[in-house]
Amino acid sequence: MVRGKDATVLIFRTSILILLLTLASSLASEAAEVIRFKLLPQESQILTQVPNPFGIVNGKFTVREGEANGDIQDLQGTGQVRITIDAASYNSNIGLRDEDIQEYYLEVEEFPVIVFTSTGIEDVKKSQSPEKAWEFTIRGVLKLHGVERELRVPVKLTQEGKRITVKGKIKILFEDFNIATPVLLFIRSGNHTEVSFRFVAEQQP
């Protein structure tokens, strides 16, 4: 049986413990400041390069929308990215070829958008100064032509004021997404495309 004095001490200690836990929780919540960024489509770009027997075919896509969220001090624990690309926006400045790519290869009427959704951030290398880029790898799922594949995309991130710029490159095999290898003048092009991108996003209130 707990005596009166012992009970008072026990209650006091318990109250102090609860107060400390509450304070620690509050401080942790304030430290994890998750910031939201909205993609600026007009200032972002996605470029593609497809090899063929005549050289390289350069193309581009238009970003429809996107956002990124995260606490810069804990990117691995809080970082999230989602980007939506307009599949029908593919343009290589070769009119008939572009129409073929859109209709017969990307099948944009059935699959109008390309979506990348992150599932994790890893290999974070923090910037040593404001002028230098952060480097990390975004792990995520790319949904293209109705097929979902997990990808790991190395990127570099720089920040200027309330804007961030993310750059990177990745190689995509057509067969991974059930896309036939394009044919030009009865000659097949390469079986992949090299994708380079630059995404610009602005911090939201």
C-alpha atoms as a PDB file:
ATOM      1  CA  MET A   1       0.000   0.000   0.000  1.00  0.00           C
ATOM      2  CA  VAL A   2       1.362   3.449  -1.009  1.00  0.00           C
ATOM      3  CA  ARG A   3       1.456   5.899   1.901  1.00  0.00           C
ATOM      4  CA  GLY A   4       0.373   9.516   1.585  1.00  0.00           C
ATOM      5  CA  LYS A   5       3.852  11.004   1.237  1.00  0.00           C
ATOM      6  CA  ASP A   6       4.980   8.307  -1.214  1.00  0.00           C
ATOM      7  CA  ALA A   7       1.825   8.755  -3.261  1.00  0.00           C
ATOM      8  CA  THR A   8       2.451  12.509  -3.486  1.00  0.00           C
ATOM      9  CA  VAL A   9       6.035  11.911  -4.709  1.00  0.00           C
ATOM     10  CA  LEU A  10       4.814   9.338  -7.241  1.00  0.00           C
ATOM     11  CA  ILE A  11       2.163  11.705  -8.607  1.00  0.00           C
ATOM     12  CA  PHE A  12       4.725  14.537  -8.794  1.00  0.00           C
ATOM     13  CA  ARG A  13       7.213  12.371 -10.694  1.00  0.00           C
ATOM     14  CA  THR A  14       4.528  11.123 -13.060  1.00  0.00           C
ATOM     15  CA  SER A  15       3.378  14.691 -13.772  1.00  0.00           C
ATOM     16  CA  ILE A  16       6.957  15.769 -14.529  1.00  0.00           C
ATOM     17  CA  LEU A  17       7.406  12.797 -16.876  1.00  0.00           C
ATOM     18  CA  ILE A  18       4.182  13.594 -18.739  1.00  0.00           C
ATOM     19  CA  LEU A  19       5.204  17.262 -19.030  1.00  0.00           C
ATOM     20  CA  LEU A  20       8.630  16.310 -20.434  1.00  0.00           C
ATOM     21  CA  LEU A  21       7.134  13.881 -22.942  1.00  0.00           C
ATOM     22  CA  THR A  22       4.624  16.504 -24.094  1.00  0.00           C
ATOM     23  CA  LEU A  23       7.368  19.093 -24.465  1.00  0.00           C
ATOM     24  CA  ALA A  24       9.580  16.681 -26.415  1.00  0.00           C
ATOM     25  CA  SER A  25       6.711  15.795 -28.721  1.00  0.00           C
ATOM     26  CA  SER A  26       5.978  19.481 -29.320  1.00  0.00           C
ATOM     27  CA  LEU A  27       9.609  20.279 -30.102  1.00  0.00           C
ATOM     28  CA  ALA A  28       9.874  17.335 -32.493  1.00  0.00           C
ATOM     29  CA  SER A  29       6.718  18.466 -34.271  1.00  0.00           C
ATOM     30  CA  GLU A  30       8.091  21.983 -34.698  1.00  0.00           C
ATOM     31  CA  ALA A  31      11.463  20.678 -35.915  1.00  0.00           C
ATOM     32  CA  ALA A  32       9.844  18.611 -38.671  1.00  0.00           C
ATOM     33  CA  GLU A  33       8.738  21.532 -40.805  1.00  0.00           C
ATOM     34  CA  VAL A  34       7.230  19.962 -43.909  1.00  0.00           C
ATOM     35  CA  ILE A  35       7.192  22.430 -46.791  1.00  0.00           C
ATOM     36  CA  ARG A  36       5.014  22.083 -49.892  1.00  0.00           C
ATOM     37  CA  PHE A  37       6.227  23.020 -53.370  1.00  0.00           C
ATOM     38  CA  LYS A  38       4.069  23.327 -56.480  1.00  0.00           C
ATOM     39  CA  LEU A  39       5.577  22.558 -59.881  1.00  0.00           C
ATOM     40  CA  LEU A  40       5.778  25.362 -62.451  1.00  0.00           C
ATOM     41  CA  PRO A  41       5.012  23.605 -65.790  1.00  0.00           C
ATOM     42  CA  GLN A  42       6.046  26.543 -67.980  1.00  0.00           C
ATOM     43  CA  GLU A  43       9.528  26.599 -66.453  1.00  0.00           C
ATOM     44  CA  SER A  44      10.014  22.830 -66.330  1.00  0.00           C
ATOM     45  CA  GLN A  45      11.062  20.529 -69.148  1.00  0.00           C
ATOM     46  CA  ILE A  46      11.388  16.853 -70.034  1.00  0.00           C
ATOM     47  CA  LEU A  47      13.680  16.011 -72.962  1.00  0.00           C
ATOM     48  CA  THR A  48      14.064  12.632 -74.666  1.00  0.00           C
ATOM     49  CA  GLN A  49      16.697  11.156 -76.955  1.00  0.00           C
ATOM     50  CA  VAL A  50      16.000   8.028 -79.002  1.00  0.00           C
ATOM     51  CA  PRO A  51      18.889   6.567 -81.031  1.00  0.00           C
ATOM     52  CA  ASN A  52      18.248   5.330 -84.562  1.00  0.00           C
ATOM     53  CA  PRO A  53      20.386   4.394 -87.588  1.00  0.00           C
ATOM     54  CA  PHE A  54      20.258   8.010 -88.810  1.00  0.00           C
ATOM     55  CA  GLY A  55      21.354   9.595 -85.534  1.00  0.00           C
ATOM     56  CA  ILE A  56      19.455  10.804 -82.483  1.00  0.00           C
ATOM     57  CA  VAL A  57      15.801  11.848 -82.429  1.00  0.00           C
ATOM     58  CA  ASN A  58      15.274  14.600 -79.858  1.00  0.00           C
ATOM     59  CA  GLY A  59      11.842  15.062 -78.355  1.00  0.00           C
ATOM     60  CA  LYS A  60      10.113  16.631 -75.395  1.00  0.00           C
ATOM     61  CA  PHE A  61       7.049  16.311 -73.188  1.00  0.00           C
ATOM     62  CA  THR A  62       4.996  18.895 -71.320  1.00  0.00           C
ATOM     63  CA  VAL A  63       4.471  18.603 -67.580  1.00  0.00           C
ATOM     64  CA  ARG A  64       0.805  18.884 -66.640  1.00  0.00           C
ATOM     65  CA  GLU A  65       1.160  19.275 -62.861  1.00  0.00           C
ATOM     66  CA  GLY A  66       3.234  18.207 -59.908  1.00  0.00           C
ATOM     67  CA  GLU A  67       4.125  18.795 -56.294  1.00  0.00           C
ATOM     68  CA  ALA A  68       6.827  17.995 -53.773  1.00  0.00           C
ATOM     69  CA  ASN A  69       6.621  17.933 -49.986  1.00  0.00           C
ATOM     70  CA  GLY A  70       9.272  17.486 -47.359  1.00  0.00           C
ATOM     71  CA  ASP A  71      11.358  18.714 -44.473  1.00  0.00           C
ATOM     72  CA  ILE A  72      14.824  19.633 -45.734  1.00  0.00           C
ATOM     73  CA  GLN A  73      16.301  18.318 -42.471  1.00  0.00           C
ATOM     74  CA  ASP A  74      14.653  14.916 -42.936  1.00  0.00           C
ATOM     75  CA  LEU A  75      14.218  14.215 -46.642  1.00  0.00           C
ATOM     76  CA  GLN A  76      14.397  10.442 -46.183  1.00  0.00           C
ATOM     77  CA  GLY A  77      11.605  10.511 -43.631  1.00  0.00           C
ATOM     78  CA  THR A  78       9.331  13.153 -45.149  1.00  0.00           C
ATOM     79  CA  GLY A  79      10.140  13.656 -48.858  1.00  0.00           C
ATOM     80  CA  GLN A  80       7.331  13.022 -51.365  1.00  0.00           C
ATOM     81  CA  VAL A  81       7.042  13.761 -55.085  1.00  0.00           C
ATOM     82  CA  ARG A  82       4.264  13.334 -57.640  1.00  0.00           C
ATOM     83  CA  ILE A  83       4.468  14.450 -61.277  1.00  0.00           C
ATOM     84  CA  THR A  84       1.895  14.152 -64.065  1.00  0.00           C
ATOM     85  CA  ILE A  85       2.992  14.408 -67.710  1.00  0.00           C
ATOM     86  CA  ASP A  86       0.758  14.933 -70.750  1.00  0.00           C
ATOM     87  CA  ALA A  87       1.488  11.905 -72.971  1.00  0.00           C
ATOM     88  CA  ALA A  88      -0.050  13.579 -76.035  1.00  0.00           C
ATOM     89  CA  SER A  89       2.368  16.499 -75.721  1.00  0.00           C
ATOM     90  CA  TYR A  90       5.263  14.476 -77.202  1.00  0.00           C
ATOM     91  CA  ASN A  91       6.964  16.594 -79.850  1.00  0.00           C
ATOM     92  CA  SER A  92      10.107  15.941 -81.895  1.00  0.00           C
ATOM     93  CA  ASN A  93       9.277  18.505 -84.601  1.00  0.00           C
ATOM     94  CA  ILE A  94       8.716  15.645 -87.054  1.00  0.00           C
ATOM     95  CA  GLY A  95       4.965  15.905 -87.563  1.00  0.00           C
ATOM     96  CA  LEU A  96       4.033  12.524 -89.033  1.00  0.00           C
ATOM     97  CA  ARG A  97       6.427  10.685 -86.740  1.00  0.00           C
ATOM     98  CA  ASP A  98       4.992  12.454 -83.701  1.00  0.00           C
ATOM     99  CA  GLU A  99       1.485  11.467 -84.711  1.00  0.00           C
ATOM    100  CA  ASP A 100       2.609   7.834 -85.065  1.00  0.00           C
ATOM    101  CA  ILE A 101       4.344   7.878 -81.686  1.00  0.00           C
ATOM    102  CA  GLN A 102       1.286   9.314 -79.979  1.00  0.00           C
ATOM    103  CA  GLU A 103      -1.258   7.056 -81.696  1.00  0.00           C
ATOM    104  CA  TYR A 104       0.484   3.712 -82.177  1.00  0.00           C
ATOM    105  CA  TYR A 105       3.218   3.579 -79.541  1.00  0.00           C
ATOM    106  CA  LEU A 106       2.117   5.678 -76.559  1.00  0.00           C
ATOM    107  CA  GLU A 107      -1.578   5.132 -77.442  1.00  0.00           C
ATOM    108  CA  VAL A 108      -2.463   8.431 -75.813  1.00  0.00           C
ATOM    109  CA  GLU A 109      -6.224   8.089 -76.231  1.00  0.00           C
ATOM    110  CA  GLU A 110      -6.172   5.089 -73.894  1.00  0.00           C
ATOM    111  CA  PHE A 111      -3.265   6.279 -71.725  1.00  0.00           C
ATOM    112  CA  PRO A 112      -3.409  10.108 -71.729  1.00  0.00           C
ATOM    113  CA  VAL A 113      -1.025  10.734 -68.833  1.00  0.00           C
ATOM    114  CA  ILE A 114       2.320   9.518 -67.526  1.00  0.00           C
ATOM    115  CA  VAL A 115       2.583   9.634 -63.727  1.00  0.00           C
ATOM    116  CA  PHE A 116       5.550   9.311 -61.395  1.00  0.00           C
ATOM    117  CA  THR A 117       4.849   8.865 -57.668  1.00  0.00           C
ATOM    118  CA  SER A 118       7.706   8.634 -55.195  1.00  0.00           C
ATOM    119  CA  THR A 119       7.851   5.889 -52.588  1.00  0.00           C
ATOM    120  CA  GLY A 120      11.021   6.949 -50.803  1.00  0.00           C
ATOM    121  CA  ILE A 121      14.142   9.117 -50.710  1.00  0.00           C
ATOM    122  CA  GLU A 122      17.592   7.585 -50.224  1.00  0.00           C
ATOM    123  CA  ASP A 123      21.346   8.211 -50.534  1.00  0.00           C
ATOM    124  CA  VAL A 124      21.008  11.825 -49.386  1.00  0.00           C
ATOM    125  CA  LYS A 125      24.146  13.962 -49.669  1.00  0.00           C
ATOM    126  CA  LYS A 126      23.534  17.304 -47.999  1.00  0.00           C
ATOM    127  CA  SER A 127      24.741  20.514 -49.568  1.00  0.00           C
ATOM    128  CA  GLN A 128      27.765  22.031 -47.851  1.00  0.00           C
ATOM    129  CA  SER A 129      26.740  25.555 -48.851  1.00  0.00           C
ATOM    130  CA  PRO A 130      23.638  27.345 -50.235  1.00  0.00           C
ATOM    131  CA  GLU A 131      25.244  27.559 -53.687  1.00  0.00           C
ATOM    132  CA  LYS A 132      25.848  23.816 -53.998  1.00  0.00           C
ATOM    133  CA  ALA A 133      23.282  21.160 -54.868  1.00  0.00           C
ATOM    134  CA  TRP A 134      21.825  18.475 -52.652  1.00  0.00           C
ATOM    135  CA  GLU A 135      22.194  15.024 -54.192  1.00  0.00           C
ATOM    136  CA  PHE A 136      19.868  12.096 -53.519  1.00  0.00           C
ATOM    137  CA  THR A 137      17.967   9.280 -55.181  1.00  0.00           C
ATOM    138  CA  ILE A 138      14.198   9.257 -55.550  1.00  0.00           C
ATOM    139  CA  ARG A 139      12.652   5.797 -55.471  1.00  0.00           C
ATOM    140  CA  GLY A 140       9.202   5.665 -57.032  1.00  0.00           C
ATOM    141  CA  VAL A 141       6.692   4.133 -59.419  1.00  0.00           C
ATOM    142  CA  LEU A 142       6.399   5.294 -63.031  1.00  0.00           C
ATOM    143  CA  LYS A 143       3.058   4.563 -64.671  1.00  0.00           C
ATOM    144  CA  LEU A 144       3.522   4.670 -68.441  1.00  0.00           C
ATOM    145  CA  HIS A 145       1.399   3.105 -71.165  1.00  0.00           C
ATOM    146  CA  GLY A 146      -0.713   1.412 -68.497  1.00  0.00           C
ATOM    147  CA  VAL A 147       2.304  -0.330 -66.916  1.00  0.00           C
ATOM    148  CA  GLU A 148       3.738   0.431 -63.486  1.00  0.00           C
ATOM    149  CA  ARG A 149       7.452  -0.003 -62.818  1.00  0.00           C
ATOM    150  CA  GLU A 150       9.589   0.960 -59.847  1.00  0.00           C
ATOM    151  CA  LEU A 151      12.510   3.234 -60.707  1.00  0.00           C
ATOM    152  CA  ARG A 152      15.424   4.796 -58.850  1.00  0.00           C
ATOM    153  CA  VAL A 153      16.214   8.274 -60.127  1.00  0.00           C
ATOM    154  CA  PRO A 154      19.393  10.118 -59.024  1.00  0.00           C
ATOM    155  CA  VAL A 155      18.797  13.883 -58.857  1.00  0.00           C
ATOM    156  CA  LYS A 156      20.431  17.163 -57.878  1.00  0.00           C
ATOM    157  CA  LEU A 157      18.433  19.847 -56.072  1.00  0.00           C
ATOM    158  CA  THR A 158      19.251  23.536 -55.711  1.00  0.00           C
ATOM    159  CA  GLN A 159      17.238  26.237 -53.955  1.00  0.00           C
ATOM    160  CA  GLU A 160      17.046  29.948 -54.655  1.00  0.00           C
ATOM    161  CA  GLY A 161      14.664  31.881 -52.449  1.00  0.00           C
ATOM    162  CA  LYS A 162      11.315  30.107 -52.470  1.00  0.00           C
ATOM    163  CA  ARG A 163      12.076  28.110 -55.616  1.00  0.00           C
ATOM    164  CA  ILE A 164      13.751  24.747 -56.032  1.00  0.00           C
ATOM    165  CA  THR A 165      15.175  23.222 -59.211  1.00  0.00           C
ATOM    166  CA  VAL A 166      15.585  19.467 -59.593  1.00  0.00           C
ATOM    167  CA  LYS A 167      17.660  17.963 -62.415  1.00  0.00           C
ATOM    168  CA  GLY A 168      18.337  14.382 -63.399  1.00  0.00           C
ATOM    169  CA  LYS A 169      18.592  11.727 -66.103  1.00  0.00           C
ATOM    170  CA  ILE A 170      17.240   8.223 -66.533  1.00  0.00           C
ATOM    171  CA  LYS A 171      17.192   5.509 -69.192  1.00  0.00           C
ATOM    172  CA  ILE A 172      13.850   3.880 -70.019  1.00  0.00           C
ATOM    173  CA  LEU A 173      13.526   0.632 -71.966  1.00  0.00           C
ATOM    174  CA  PHE A 174      10.448   0.514 -74.193  1.00  0.00           C
ATOM    175  CA  GLU A 175       9.851  -3.194 -73.561  1.00  0.00           C
ATOM    176  CA  ASP A 176       9.556  -2.546 -69.806  1.00  0.00           C
ATOM    177  CA  PHE A 177       6.342  -0.626 -70.529  1.00  0.00           C
ATOM    178  CA  ASN A 178       4.999  -2.769 -73.386  1.00  0.00           C
ATOM    179  CA  ILE A 179       5.870  -0.085 -75.941  1.00  0.00           C
ATOM    180  CA  ALA A 180       6.914  -1.329 -79.374  1.00  0.00           C
ATOM    181  CA  THR A 181      10.239  -0.125 -80.754  1.00  0.00           C
ATOM    182  CA  PRO A 182       9.501   2.795 -83.129  1.00  0.00           C
ATOM    183  CA  VAL A 183      10.081   2.241 -86.861  1.00  0.00           C
ATOM    184  CA  LEU A 184      11.267   4.984 -89.223  1.00  0.00           C
ATOM    185  CA  LEU A 185      11.334   4.250 -92.973  1.00  0.00           C
ATOM    186  CA  PHE A 186      11.077   0.515 -92.236  1.00  0.00           C
ATOM    187  CA  ILE A 187      14.147   0.706 -89.962  1.00  0.00           C
ATOM    188  CA  ARG A 188      13.778   0.193 -86.239  1.00  0.00           C
ATOM    189  CA  SER A 189      15.147   2.801 -83.893  1.00  0.00           C
ATOM    190  CA  GLY A 190      16.819   2.074 -80.558  1.00  0.00           C
ATOM    191  CA  ASN A 191      14.959   0.097 -77.912  1.00  0.00           C
ATOM    192  CA  HIS A 192      15.185   2.823 -75.274  1.00  0.00           C
ATOM    193  CA  THR A 193      15.045   6.538 -74.623  1.00  0.00           C
ATOM    194  CA  GLU A 194      17.359   8.699 -72.545  1.00  0.00           C
ATOM    195  CA  VAL A 195      15.257  11.110 -70.491  1.00  0.00           C
ATOM    196  CA  SER A 196      16.681  14.267 -68.955  1.00  0.00           C
ATOM    197  CA  PHE A 197      14.554  16.634 -66.919  1.00  0.00           C
ATOM    198  CA  ARG A 198      14.544  19.933 -65.105  1.00  0.00           C
ATOM    199  CA  PHE A 199      11.672  20.624 -62.731  1.00  0.00           C
ATOM    200  CA  VAL A 200      11.147  24.036 -61.171  1.00  0.00           C
ATOM    201  CA  ALA A 201       8.779  24.358 -58.205  1.00  0.00           C
ATOM    202  CA  GLU A 202       7.730  27.180 -55.921  1.00  0.00           C
ATOM    203  CA  GLN A 203       7.091  27.053 -52.186  1.00  0.00           C
ATOM    204  CA  GLN A 204       3.447  27.331 -51.199  1.00  0.00           C
ATOM    205  CA  PRO A 205       2.006  29.187 -48.169  1.00  0.00           C
END
